Amino acid sequence: MSVPSIADEIAQTAARLVVEEGLEWGPAKRRAVRQLGLPQRTPLPDNDRVEAAVREYIELFCADTQPQELRALRELAVVWMERMAPFRPYLAGAVWRGTATRLSDIYIQMFCDDPKSAEIALIDHNVQYDVTQVTGFHGETVDALSISSFCKPLNEAVGVHLMVYDFDDLRGALKPDGQGRTSRGEVTALRALLDAEAAA
């Protein structure tokens, strides 16, 4: 049996933090380095390795609960994508990839002709939101409209983050990754995933 590499150890520790504490992958990797007592400049594993470790952790420790939690989050994502349909919403992150648990937030990327129009739509529907700045696809700063939305099946509030991109960013966003997978999906693709899970 092979000895795990330092990168594998970081990935496995990060996976536990992602699943048990709901951390995003970047912060989870950095905290894993600290928890393992490694030098701050230790090279971090790539996201594919962390994702594999997260899937393994879920299979070992959360197989009984995670599928229902993921479904609840995906159904809530559909609700918000339908509400924000004029702004070309795409689901991304753990809820899209299928690695989400009840601690995960929902990340929806919107591609707008006029970035302020999404905020106006929320105001028109009396939706309370906070605006923060996050890093976009190319290192640029984009606005994230963050909402606390009650999820009935989970019986708790879930963070929903609507990232506002320019319409021109959409073409690059739909390119598949190195393994041929899409990093985000529109509501029809998400509904197809839910239908496939229900039929399985």
N, C-alpha and C. Protein backbone atom coordinates (compact mmCIF):
# COMPACT_ATOMS: atom_id res chain seq x y z
N MET A 1 0.85 -1.19 0.00
CA MET A 1 0.00 0.00 0.00
C MET A 1 0.89 1.25 0.00
N SER A 2 0.59 2.18 -0.92
CA SER A 2 1.47 3.35 -1.05
C SER A 2 1.24 4.33 0.09
N VAL A 3 2.32 5.03 0.45
CA VAL A 3 2.24 6.04 1.51
C VAL A 3 1.65 7.31 0.90
N PRO A 4 0.65 7.93 1.57
CA PRO A 4 0.06 9.16 1.00
C PRO A 4 1.11 10.26 0.90
N SER A 5 1.07 11.02 -0.19
CA SER A 5 1.98 12.15 -0.35
C SER A 5 1.47 13.30 0.53
N ILE A 6 2.33 14.32 0.68
CA ILE A 6 1.91 15.50 1.44
C ILE A 6 0.69 16.14 0.77
N ALA A 7 0.69 16.17 -0.56
CA ALA A 7 -0.47 16.75 -1.28
C ALA A 7 -1.74 15.97 -0.97
N ASP A 8 -1.63 14.63 -0.89
CA ASP A 8 -2.80 13.81 -0.56
C ASP A 8 -3.28 14.10 0.86
N GLU A 9 -2.33 14.24 1.78
CA GLU A 9 -2.70 14.53 3.18
C GLU A 9 -3.42 15.88 3.28
N ILE A 10 -2.90 16.88 2.56
CA ILE A 10 -3.56 18.19 2.56
C ILE A 10 -4.96 18.06 1.97
N ALA A 11 -5.07 17.34 0.85
CA ALA A 11 -6.38 17.18 0.18
C ALA A 11 -7.38 16.48 1.10
N GLN A 12 -6.93 15.45 1.81
CA GLN A 12 -7.84 14.70 2.69
C GLN A 12 -8.28 15.55 3.89
N THR A 13 -7.33 16.32 4.46
CA THR A 13 -7.68 17.20 5.58
C THR A 13 -8.61 18.31 5.10
N ALA A 14 -8.32 18.86 3.93
CA ALA A 14 -9.17 19.91 3.36
C ALA A 14 -10.58 19.36 3.09
N ALA A 15 -10.65 18.12 2.60
CA ALA A 15 -11.96 17.51 2.31
C ALA A 15 -12.81 17.43 3.57
N ARG A 16 -12.20 17.06 4.67
CA ARG A 16 -12.95 16.98 5.94
C ARG A 16 -13.48 18.37 6.32
N LEU A 17 -12.66 19.40 6.15
CA LEU A 17 -13.08 20.77 6.48
C LEU A 17 -14.21 21.25 5.55
N VAL A 18 -14.12 20.87 4.29
CA VAL A 18 -15.15 21.24 3.32
C VAL A 18 -16.49 20.61 3.72
N VAL A 19 -16.46 19.32 4.03
CA VAL A 19 -17.71 18.59 4.31
C VAL A 19 -18.25 18.92 5.70
N GLU A 20 -17.37 18.96 6.70
CA GLU A 20 -17.85 19.12 8.08
C GLU A 20 -18.07 20.57 8.49
N GLU A 21 -17.37 21.51 7.83
CA GLU A 21 -17.49 22.92 8.23
C GLU A 21 -18.01 23.81 7.12
N GLY A 22 -18.19 23.23 5.92
CA GLY A 22 -18.73 24.03 4.82
C GLY A 22 -17.75 25.04 4.24
N LEU A 23 -16.44 24.83 4.46
CA LEU A 23 -15.45 25.78 3.92
C LEU A 23 -15.36 25.66 2.40
N GLU A 24 -15.00 26.76 1.77
CA GLU A 24 -14.66 26.72 0.35
C GLU A 24 -13.29 26.05 0.20
N TRP A 25 -12.99 25.59 -1.00
CA TRP A 25 -11.78 24.78 -1.18
C TRP A 25 -10.49 25.52 -0.90
N GLY A 26 -10.40 26.78 -1.35
CA GLY A 26 -9.17 27.55 -1.11
C GLY A 26 -8.87 27.70 0.37
N PRO A 27 -9.82 28.25 1.16
CA PRO A 27 -9.59 28.36 2.60
C PRO A 27 -9.36 27.01 3.28
N ALA A 28 -10.05 25.97 2.80
CA ALA A 28 -9.88 24.64 3.40
C ALA A 28 -8.46 24.13 3.18
N LYS A 29 -7.91 24.36 1.99
CA LYS A 29 -6.54 23.91 1.71
C LYS A 29 -5.54 24.65 2.60
N ARG A 30 -5.75 25.96 2.75
CA ARG A 30 -4.81 26.74 3.56
C ARG A 30 -4.90 26.35 5.04
N ARG A 31 -6.13 26.11 5.52
CA ARG A 31 -6.25 25.71 6.92
C ARG A 31 -5.68 24.29 7.12
N ALA A 32 -5.83 23.42 6.13
CA ALA A 32 -5.27 22.08 6.22
C ALA A 32 -3.75 22.13 6.40
N VAL A 33 -3.11 23.04 5.67
CA VAL A 33 -1.65 23.20 5.80
C VAL A 33 -1.29 23.57 7.24
N ARG A 34 -2.06 24.50 7.81
CA ARG A 34 -1.80 24.91 9.21
C ARG A 34 -2.06 23.75 10.18
N GLN A 35 -3.16 23.04 9.98
CA GLN A 35 -3.51 21.95 10.89
C GLN A 35 -2.48 20.83 10.85
N LEU A 36 -1.89 20.61 9.70
CA LEU A 36 -0.89 19.56 9.56
C LEU A 36 0.50 20.02 10.00
N GLY A 37 0.61 21.31 10.40
CA GLY A 37 1.89 21.84 10.87
C GLY A 37 2.92 21.98 9.78
N LEU A 38 2.45 22.18 8.54
CA LEU A 38 3.37 22.29 7.40
C LEU A 38 3.78 23.74 7.17
N PRO A 39 4.92 23.98 6.51
CA PRO A 39 5.32 25.35 6.21
C PRO A 39 4.25 26.05 5.37
N GLN A 40 4.11 27.36 5.59
CA GLN A 40 3.07 28.14 4.91
C GLN A 40 3.19 28.07 3.39
N ARG A 41 4.43 27.91 2.91
CA ARG A 41 4.65 27.91 1.45
C ARG A 41 4.53 26.52 0.83
N THR A 42 4.06 25.56 1.59
CA THR A 42 3.89 24.20 1.04
C THR A 42 2.98 24.25 -0.19
N PRO A 43 3.39 23.62 -1.30
CA PRO A 43 2.52 23.63 -2.50
C PRO A 43 1.18 22.96 -2.20
N LEU A 44 0.11 23.59 -2.66
CA LEU A 44 -1.24 23.07 -2.39
C LEU A 44 -1.68 22.11 -3.49
N PRO A 45 -2.46 21.10 -3.13
CA PRO A 45 -3.00 20.20 -4.17
C PRO A 45 -3.97 20.95 -5.07
N ASP A 46 -4.12 20.49 -6.32
CA ASP A 46 -5.07 21.17 -7.20
C ASP A 46 -6.50 20.80 -6.82
N ASN A 47 -7.44 21.51 -7.40
CA ASN A 47 -8.84 21.32 -7.03
C ASN A 47 -9.38 19.94 -7.41
N ASP A 48 -8.84 19.35 -8.49
CA ASP A 48 -9.29 18.01 -8.87
C ASP A 48 -8.97 17.00 -7.77
N ARG A 49 -7.80 17.15 -7.17
CA ARG A 49 -7.41 16.23 -6.10
C ARG A 49 -8.27 16.43 -4.86
N VAL A 50 -8.57 17.70 -4.56
CA VAL A 50 -9.44 17.99 -3.41
C VAL A 50 -10.85 17.46 -3.68
N GLU A 51 -11.34 17.65 -4.90
CA GLU A 51 -12.68 17.15 -5.22
C GLU A 51 -12.76 15.64 -5.07
N ALA A 52 -11.73 14.94 -5.52
CA ALA A 52 -11.71 13.48 -5.37
C ALA A 52 -11.75 13.09 -3.90
N ALA A 53 -11.00 13.83 -3.07
CA ALA A 53 -10.97 13.55 -1.63
C ALA A 53 -12.32 13.86 -0.98
N VAL A 54 -12.97 14.93 -1.44
CA VAL A 54 -14.30 15.29 -0.91
C VAL A 54 -15.30 14.18 -1.24
N ARG A 55 -15.28 13.71 -2.49
CA ARG A 55 -16.21 12.64 -2.89
C ARG A 55 -15.97 11.37 -2.07
N GLU A 56 -14.70 11.07 -1.83
CA GLU A 56 -14.34 9.88 -1.03
C GLU A 56 -14.84 10.04 0.41
N TYR A 57 -14.67 11.23 0.96
CA TYR A 57 -15.09 11.49 2.35
C TYR A 57 -16.61 11.36 2.47
N ILE A 58 -17.33 11.94 1.50
CA ILE A 58 -18.79 11.86 1.52
C ILE A 58 -19.25 10.41 1.45
N GLU A 59 -18.60 9.63 0.58
CA GLU A 59 -18.97 8.22 0.41
C GLU A 59 -18.74 7.44 1.71
N LEU A 60 -17.67 7.76 2.41
CA LEU A 60 -17.34 7.03 3.64
C LEU A 60 -18.20 7.45 4.83
N PHE A 61 -18.45 8.76 4.96
CA PHE A 61 -19.04 9.26 6.20
C PHE A 61 -20.45 9.87 6.06
N CYS A 62 -20.86 10.19 4.84
CA CYS A 62 -22.13 10.93 4.69
C CYS A 62 -23.06 10.29 3.66
N ALA A 63 -22.82 9.04 3.31
CA ALA A 63 -23.60 8.41 2.23
C ALA A 63 -25.09 8.36 2.54
N ASP A 64 -25.45 8.32 3.83
CA ASP A 64 -26.87 8.21 4.21
C ASP A 64 -27.61 9.54 4.10
N THR A 65 -26.89 10.65 4.28
CA THR A 65 -27.56 11.95 4.36
C THR A 65 -27.29 12.87 3.18
N GLN A 66 -26.11 12.77 2.57
CA GLN A 66 -25.70 13.77 1.58
C GLN A 66 -26.60 13.82 0.34
N PRO A 67 -27.05 12.69 -0.20
CA PRO A 67 -27.89 12.80 -1.42
C PRO A 67 -29.16 13.62 -1.20
N GLN A 68 -29.81 13.47 -0.03
CA GLN A 68 -31.02 14.24 0.24
C GLN A 68 -30.70 15.72 0.44
N GLU A 69 -29.57 15.99 1.11
CA GLU A 69 -29.17 17.38 1.33
C GLU A 69 -28.84 18.06 0.00
N LEU A 70 -28.13 17.35 -0.87
CA LEU A 70 -27.78 17.88 -2.19
C LEU A 70 -29.05 18.17 -2.99
N ARG A 71 -30.00 17.24 -2.95
CA ARG A 71 -31.25 17.44 -3.70
C ARG A 71 -31.98 18.70 -3.20
N ALA A 72 -32.06 18.86 -1.87
CA ALA A 72 -32.73 20.03 -1.31
C ALA A 72 -32.08 21.33 -1.79
N LEU A 73 -30.75 21.35 -1.81
CA LEU A 73 -30.03 22.55 -2.26
C LEU A 73 -30.23 22.79 -3.75
N ARG A 74 -30.23 21.71 -4.54
CA ARG A 74 -30.44 21.87 -5.98
C ARG A 74 -31.85 22.37 -6.28
N GLU A 75 -32.83 21.89 -5.51
CA GLU A 75 -34.21 22.35 -5.72
C GLU A 75 -34.34 23.84 -5.35
N LEU A 76 -33.65 24.25 -4.30
CA LEU A 76 -33.66 25.67 -3.93
C LEU A 76 -32.95 26.50 -5.00
N ALA A 77 -31.88 25.96 -5.56
CA ALA A 77 -31.17 26.66 -6.64
C ALA A 77 -32.09 26.86 -7.85
N VAL A 78 -32.90 25.86 -8.17
CA VAL A 78 -33.85 25.99 -9.29
C VAL A 78 -34.79 27.17 -9.03
N VAL A 79 -35.29 27.29 -7.80
CA VAL A 79 -36.21 28.38 -7.45
C VAL A 79 -35.56 29.74 -7.75
N TRP A 80 -34.30 29.90 -7.30
CA TRP A 80 -33.64 31.19 -7.50
C TRP A 80 -33.25 31.41 -8.95
N MET A 81 -32.89 30.35 -9.65
CA MET A 81 -32.56 30.51 -11.08
C MET A 81 -33.79 30.90 -11.88
N GLU A 82 -34.95 30.35 -11.50
CA GLU A 82 -36.18 30.75 -12.19
C GLU A 82 -36.53 32.21 -11.88
N ARG A 83 -36.34 32.61 -10.63
CA ARG A 83 -36.61 34.00 -10.27
C ARG A 83 -35.71 34.97 -11.03
N MET A 84 -34.46 34.55 -11.24
CA MET A 84 -33.48 35.45 -11.88
C MET A 84 -33.28 35.10 -13.35
N ALA A 85 -34.25 34.41 -13.95
CA ALA A 85 -34.11 33.94 -15.33
C ALA A 85 -33.71 35.01 -16.34
N PRO A 86 -34.18 36.28 -16.22
CA PRO A 86 -33.78 37.28 -17.22
C PRO A 86 -32.28 37.56 -17.25
N PHE A 87 -31.57 37.12 -16.21
CA PHE A 87 -30.15 37.46 -16.10
C PHE A 87 -29.22 36.28 -16.42
N ARG A 88 -29.76 35.31 -17.16
CA ARG A 88 -28.99 34.15 -17.63
C ARG A 88 -28.21 33.47 -16.50
N PRO A 89 -28.93 32.91 -15.52
CA PRO A 89 -28.24 32.30 -14.37
C PRO A 89 -27.67 30.92 -14.68
N TYR A 90 -26.50 30.66 -14.14
CA TYR A 90 -25.85 29.34 -14.22
C TYR A 90 -25.43 28.93 -12.82
N LEU A 91 -25.74 27.70 -12.46
CA LEU A 91 -25.32 27.18 -11.15
C LEU A 91 -23.87 26.72 -11.24
N ALA A 92 -23.09 27.03 -10.20
CA ALA A 92 -21.68 26.61 -10.14
C ALA A 92 -21.40 26.06 -8.74
N GLY A 93 -20.14 25.73 -8.48
CA GLY A 93 -19.75 25.31 -7.13
C GLY A 93 -20.20 23.90 -6.77
N ALA A 94 -20.18 23.62 -5.47
CA ALA A 94 -20.42 22.26 -4.97
C ALA A 94 -21.82 21.76 -5.27
N VAL A 95 -22.81 22.66 -5.31
CA VAL A 95 -24.18 22.22 -5.58
C VAL A 95 -24.30 21.72 -7.02
N TRP A 96 -23.59 22.37 -7.94
CA TRP A 96 -23.57 21.90 -9.33
C TRP A 96 -22.74 20.62 -9.46
N ARG A 97 -21.59 20.59 -8.82
CA ARG A 97 -20.68 19.43 -8.97
C ARG A 97 -21.19 18.18 -8.24
N GLY A 98 -22.14 18.36 -7.30
CA GLY A 98 -22.68 17.21 -6.60
C GLY A 98 -21.96 16.86 -5.32
N THR A 99 -21.10 17.77 -4.83
CA THR A 99 -20.35 17.49 -3.60
C THR A 99 -20.89 18.30 -2.42
N ALA A 100 -22.04 18.94 -2.58
CA ALA A 100 -22.58 19.81 -1.52
C ALA A 100 -23.22 19.00 -0.40
N THR A 101 -23.16 19.57 0.81
CA THR A 101 -23.90 19.06 1.97
C THR A 101 -24.74 20.21 2.52
N ARG A 102 -25.46 19.98 3.59
CA ARG A 102 -26.34 21.02 4.17
C ARG A 102 -25.56 22.27 4.58
N LEU A 103 -24.24 22.16 4.75
CA LEU A 103 -23.43 23.32 5.14
C LEU A 103 -22.97 24.15 3.93
N SER A 104 -23.23 23.65 2.73
CA SER A 104 -22.75 24.35 1.53
C SER A 104 -23.68 25.50 1.15
N ASP A 105 -23.09 26.57 0.63
CA ASP A 105 -23.87 27.66 0.07
C ASP A 105 -24.12 27.38 -1.41
N ILE A 106 -25.07 28.12 -1.97
CA ILE A 106 -25.42 28.00 -3.39
C ILE A 106 -24.79 29.17 -4.14
N TYR A 107 -24.08 28.86 -5.23
CA TYR A 107 -23.42 29.90 -6.03
C TYR A 107 -24.02 29.92 -7.43
N ILE A 108 -24.65 31.03 -7.76
CA ILE A 108 -25.28 31.19 -9.07
C ILE A 108 -24.59 32.35 -9.78
N GLN A 109 -24.09 32.08 -10.98
CA GLN A 109 -23.41 33.11 -11.76
C GLN A 109 -24.39 33.64 -12.80
N MET A 110 -24.53 34.96 -12.85
CA MET A 110 -25.47 35.58 -13.78
C MET A 110 -24.70 36.45 -14.77
N PHE A 111 -25.17 36.47 -16.01
CA PHE A 111 -24.47 37.17 -17.08
C PHE A 111 -25.42 38.24 -17.63
N CYS A 112 -25.18 39.48 -17.21
CA CYS A 112 -26.15 40.55 -17.40
C CYS A 112 -25.66 41.58 -18.41
N ASP A 113 -26.60 42.09 -19.21
CA ASP A 113 -26.28 43.23 -20.09
C ASP A 113 -26.01 44.46 -19.23
N ASP A 114 -26.80 44.61 -18.16
CA ASP A 114 -26.64 45.74 -17.24
C ASP A 114 -26.51 45.18 -15.83
N PRO A 115 -25.30 45.19 -15.25
CA PRO A 115 -25.09 44.57 -13.94
C PRO A 115 -26.02 45.08 -12.85
N LYS A 116 -26.42 46.35 -12.91
CA LYS A 116 -27.27 46.90 -11.85
C LYS A 116 -28.71 46.37 -11.94
N SER A 117 -29.10 45.85 -13.10
CA SER A 117 -30.49 45.42 -13.27
C SER A 117 -30.84 44.25 -12.36
N ALA A 118 -29.87 43.41 -12.03
CA ALA A 118 -30.13 42.28 -11.12
C ALA A 118 -30.46 42.80 -9.72
N GLU A 119 -29.73 43.80 -9.29
CA GLU A 119 -30.02 44.40 -7.97
C GLU A 119 -31.41 45.02 -7.95
N ILE A 120 -31.74 45.70 -9.03
CA ILE A 120 -33.06 46.35 -9.11
C ILE A 120 -34.16 45.30 -9.02
N ALA A 121 -33.95 44.14 -9.67
CA ALA A 121 -34.95 43.06 -9.63
C ALA A 121 -35.15 42.57 -8.20
N LEU A 122 -34.07 42.43 -7.44
CA LEU A 122 -34.18 41.99 -6.05
C LEU A 122 -34.93 43.04 -5.21
N ILE A 123 -34.60 44.29 -5.43
CA ILE A 123 -35.27 45.38 -4.69
C ILE A 123 -36.76 45.37 -5.01
N ASP A 124 -37.10 45.20 -6.29
CA ASP A 124 -38.51 45.18 -6.71
C ASP A 124 -39.29 44.05 -6.03
N HIS A 125 -38.60 42.94 -5.71
CA HIS A 125 -39.25 41.80 -5.06
C HIS A 125 -39.06 41.81 -3.54
N ASN A 126 -38.60 42.95 -3.02
CA ASN A 126 -38.39 43.11 -1.56
C ASN A 126 -37.47 42.04 -0.97
N VAL A 127 -36.45 41.66 -1.74
CA VAL A 127 -35.49 40.66 -1.26
C VAL A 127 -34.33 41.39 -0.57
N GLN A 128 -34.07 41.02 0.68
CA GLN A 128 -32.93 41.59 1.41
C GLN A 128 -31.64 40.93 0.91
N TYR A 129 -30.63 41.73 0.63
CA TYR A 129 -29.36 41.16 0.17
C TYR A 129 -28.20 42.04 0.61
N ASP A 130 -27.02 41.42 0.67
CA ASP A 130 -25.78 42.16 0.93
C ASP A 130 -24.93 42.10 -0.33
N VAL A 131 -24.19 43.16 -0.58
CA VAL A 131 -23.28 43.17 -1.73
C VAL A 131 -21.85 43.02 -1.24
N THR A 132 -21.16 42.02 -1.77
CA THR A 132 -19.72 41.87 -1.49
C THR A 132 -18.99 41.76 -2.82
N GLN A 133 -17.68 41.93 -2.76
CA GLN A 133 -16.88 41.77 -3.98
C GLN A 133 -16.13 40.43 -3.91
N VAL A 134 -16.18 39.68 -5.01
CA VAL A 134 -15.46 38.41 -5.09
C VAL A 134 -14.58 38.44 -6.34
N THR A 135 -13.66 37.49 -6.41
CA THR A 135 -12.77 37.42 -7.58
C THR A 135 -13.46 36.66 -8.70
N GLY A 136 -13.44 37.25 -9.89
CA GLY A 136 -14.08 36.64 -11.05
C GLY A 136 -13.19 35.66 -11.78
N PHE A 137 -13.61 35.29 -13.00
CA PHE A 137 -12.91 34.26 -13.78
C PHE A 137 -11.46 34.63 -14.08
N HIS A 138 -11.22 35.90 -14.33
CA HIS A 138 -9.89 36.32 -14.79
C HIS A 138 -9.18 37.18 -13.76
N GLY A 139 -9.55 37.01 -12.48
CA GLY A 139 -8.91 37.78 -11.42
C GLY A 139 -9.53 39.15 -11.21
N GLU A 140 -10.56 39.47 -12.01
CA GLU A 140 -11.22 40.77 -11.85
C GLU A 140 -12.18 40.71 -10.66
N THR A 141 -12.62 41.88 -10.20
CA THR A 141 -13.57 41.94 -9.09
C THR A 141 -14.99 41.99 -9.64
N VAL A 142 -15.85 41.12 -9.11
CA VAL A 142 -17.27 41.15 -9.50
C VAL A 142 -18.12 41.25 -8.23
N ASP A 143 -19.33 41.79 -8.40
CA ASP A 143 -20.25 41.90 -7.27
C ASP A 143 -20.93 40.56 -7.01
N ALA A 144 -21.10 40.22 -5.73
CA ALA A 144 -21.90 39.07 -5.34
C ALA A 144 -23.05 39.59 -4.48
N LEU A 145 -24.27 39.25 -4.88
CA LEU A 145 -25.47 39.64 -4.14
C LEU A 145 -25.83 38.44 -3.26
N SER A 146 -25.64 38.57 -1.96
CA SER A 146 -25.79 37.44 -1.04
C SER A 146 -27.11 37.52 -0.29
N ILE A 147 -27.84 36.40 -0.33
CA ILE A 147 -29.19 36.31 0.23
C ILE A 147 -29.22 35.15 1.21
N SER A 148 -30.00 35.27 2.27
CA SER A 148 -30.27 34.14 3.16
C SER A 148 -31.65 33.62 2.80
N SER A 149 -31.72 32.37 2.33
CA SER A 149 -32.97 31.82 1.81
C SER A 149 -33.34 30.56 2.59
N PHE A 150 -34.57 30.51 3.11
CA PHE A 150 -34.98 29.35 3.92
C PHE A 150 -35.20 28.14 3.03
N CYS A 151 -34.60 27.03 3.44
CA CYS A 151 -34.73 25.77 2.70
C CYS A 151 -35.60 24.83 3.54
N LYS A 152 -36.82 24.61 3.08
CA LYS A 152 -37.79 23.85 3.89
C LYS A 152 -37.33 22.42 4.20
N PRO A 153 -36.84 21.64 3.21
CA PRO A 153 -36.43 20.26 3.53
C PRO A 153 -35.31 20.19 4.58
N LEU A 154 -34.42 21.18 4.57
CA LEU A 154 -33.33 21.20 5.55
C LEU A 154 -33.74 21.90 6.85
N ASN A 155 -34.86 22.63 6.79
CA ASN A 155 -35.37 23.39 7.93
C ASN A 155 -34.34 24.41 8.45
N GLU A 156 -33.64 25.04 7.52
CA GLU A 156 -32.68 26.08 7.91
C GLU A 156 -32.41 27.02 6.75
N ALA A 157 -31.82 28.16 7.07
CA ALA A 157 -31.49 29.15 6.03
C ALA A 157 -30.20 28.74 5.33
N VAL A 158 -30.17 28.99 4.04
CA VAL A 158 -29.01 28.66 3.20
C VAL A 158 -28.52 29.94 2.55
N GLY A 159 -27.22 30.10 2.45
CA GLY A 159 -26.67 31.26 1.74
C GLY A 159 -26.76 31.06 0.23
N VAL A 160 -27.35 32.03 -0.44
CA VAL A 160 -27.42 32.01 -1.91
C VAL A 160 -26.66 33.23 -2.40
N HIS A 161 -25.65 33.00 -3.23
CA HIS A 161 -24.79 34.08 -3.72
C HIS A 161 -24.98 34.22 -5.23
N LEU A 162 -25.45 35.38 -5.64
CA LEU A 162 -25.67 35.67 -7.06
C LEU A 162 -24.50 36.52 -7.54
N MET A 163 -23.61 35.91 -8.33
CA MET A 163 -22.45 36.64 -8.84
C MET A 163 -22.82 37.31 -10.16
N VAL A 164 -22.52 38.60 -10.26
CA VAL A 164 -22.97 39.39 -11.41
C VAL A 164 -21.80 39.61 -12.37
N TYR A 165 -21.87 38.93 -13.52
CA TYR A 165 -20.84 39.06 -14.56
C TYR A 165 -21.41 39.83 -15.75
N ASP A 166 -20.51 40.35 -16.58
CA ASP A 166 -20.94 40.95 -17.85
C ASP A 166 -21.37 39.84 -18.80
N PHE A 167 -22.30 40.17 -19.68
CA PHE A 167 -22.79 39.19 -20.65
C PHE A 167 -21.64 38.63 -21.49
N ASP A 168 -20.64 39.46 -21.78
CA ASP A 168 -19.52 39.04 -22.62
C ASP A 168 -18.70 37.91 -22.00
N ASP A 169 -18.80 37.74 -20.68
CA ASP A 169 -18.04 36.68 -20.01
C ASP A 169 -18.64 35.29 -20.23
N LEU A 170 -19.87 35.24 -20.75
CA LEU A 170 -20.58 33.96 -20.82
C LEU A 170 -19.89 32.95 -21.74
N ARG A 171 -19.41 33.42 -22.88
CA ARG A 171 -18.83 32.48 -23.85
C ARG A 171 -17.65 31.71 -23.24
N GLY A 172 -16.73 32.41 -22.58
CA GLY A 172 -15.58 31.75 -21.95
C GLY A 172 -15.99 30.86 -20.79
N ALA A 173 -17.07 31.22 -20.12
CA ALA A 173 -17.50 30.47 -18.94
C ALA A 173 -18.02 29.08 -19.30
N LEU A 174 -18.43 28.88 -20.55
CA LEU A 174 -19.04 27.61 -20.93
C LEU A 174 -18.04 26.60 -21.47
N LYS A 175 -16.75 26.99 -21.52
CA LYS A 175 -15.74 26.03 -22.00
C LYS A 175 -15.57 24.91 -20.98
N PRO A 176 -15.48 23.64 -21.43
CA PRO A 176 -15.28 22.54 -20.47
C PRO A 176 -13.89 22.58 -19.85
N ASP A 177 -13.74 21.92 -18.70
CA ASP A 177 -12.43 21.88 -18.04
C ASP A 177 -11.55 20.82 -18.69
N GLY A 178 -10.38 20.57 -18.08
CA GLY A 178 -9.41 19.63 -18.65
C GLY A 178 -9.95 18.21 -18.77
N GLN A 179 -10.98 17.88 -17.98
CA GLN A 179 -11.57 16.54 -18.04
C GLN A 179 -12.86 16.51 -18.85
N GLY A 180 -13.12 17.60 -19.56
CA GLY A 180 -14.30 17.65 -20.42
C GLY A 180 -15.60 17.92 -19.69
N ARG A 181 -15.51 18.34 -18.42
CA ARG A 181 -16.73 18.61 -17.65
C ARG A 181 -17.06 20.10 -17.69
N THR A 182 -18.34 20.41 -17.59
CA THR A 182 -18.74 21.82 -17.53
C THR A 182 -18.67 22.27 -16.07
N SER A 183 -18.19 23.48 -15.85
CA SER A 183 -18.03 24.02 -14.49
C SER A 183 -19.30 24.64 -13.96
N ARG A 184 -20.32 24.76 -14.82
CA ARG A 184 -21.57 25.40 -14.42
C ARG A 184 -22.68 24.90 -15.34
N GLY A 185 -23.91 25.08 -14.92
CA GLY A 185 -25.01 24.62 -15.76
C GLY A 185 -26.23 25.50 -15.61
N GLU A 186 -27.01 25.63 -16.70
CA GLU A 186 -28.23 26.43 -16.64
C GLU A 186 -29.36 25.59 -16.04
N VAL A 187 -30.51 26.20 -15.87
CA VAL A 187 -31.58 25.55 -15.11
C VAL A 187 -32.08 24.28 -15.78
N THR A 188 -32.08 24.22 -17.11
CA THR A 188 -32.54 22.98 -17.78
C THR A 188 -31.60 21.82 -17.48
N ALA A 189 -30.29 22.11 -17.44
CA ALA A 189 -29.31 21.06 -17.11
C ALA A 189 -29.47 20.61 -15.66
N LEU A 190 -29.77 21.57 -14.77
CA LEU A 190 -29.95 21.24 -13.37
C LEU A 190 -31.21 20.39 -13.18
N ARG A 191 -32.28 20.75 -13.88
CA ARG A 191 -33.51 19.95 -13.79
C ARG A 191 -33.26 18.52 -14.30
N ALA A 192 -32.45 18.40 -15.35
CA ALA A 192 -32.13 17.07 -15.88
C ALA A 192 -31.39 16.24 -14.83
N LEU A 193 -30.49 16.88 -14.07
CA LEU A 193 -29.78 16.15 -13.00
C LEU A 193 -30.76 15.68 -11.94
N LEU A 194 -31.70 16.55 -11.57
CA LEU A 194 -32.69 16.18 -10.55
C LEU A 194 -33.58 15.05 -11.04
N ASP A 195 -33.97 15.09 -12.31
CA ASP A 195 -34.81 14.02 -12.88
C ASP A 195 -34.05 12.71 -12.90
N ALA A 196 -32.76 12.78 -13.27
CA ALA A 196 -31.94 11.55 -13.33
C ALA A 196 -31.78 10.94 -11.94
N GLU A 197 -31.60 11.80 -10.92
CA GLU A 197 -31.47 11.29 -9.55
C GLU A 197 -32.78 10.64 -9.08
N ALA A 198 -33.90 11.28 -9.44
CA ALA A 198 -35.20 10.76 -9.01
C ALA A 198 -35.48 9.40 -9.66
N ALA A 199 -34.99 9.23 -10.89
CA ALA A 199 -35.24 7.98 -11.61
C ALA A 199 -34.29 6.87 -11.21
N ALA A 200 -33.16 7.23 -10.56
CA ALA A 200 -32.14 6.23 -10.22
C ALA A 200 -32.63 5.30 -9.10
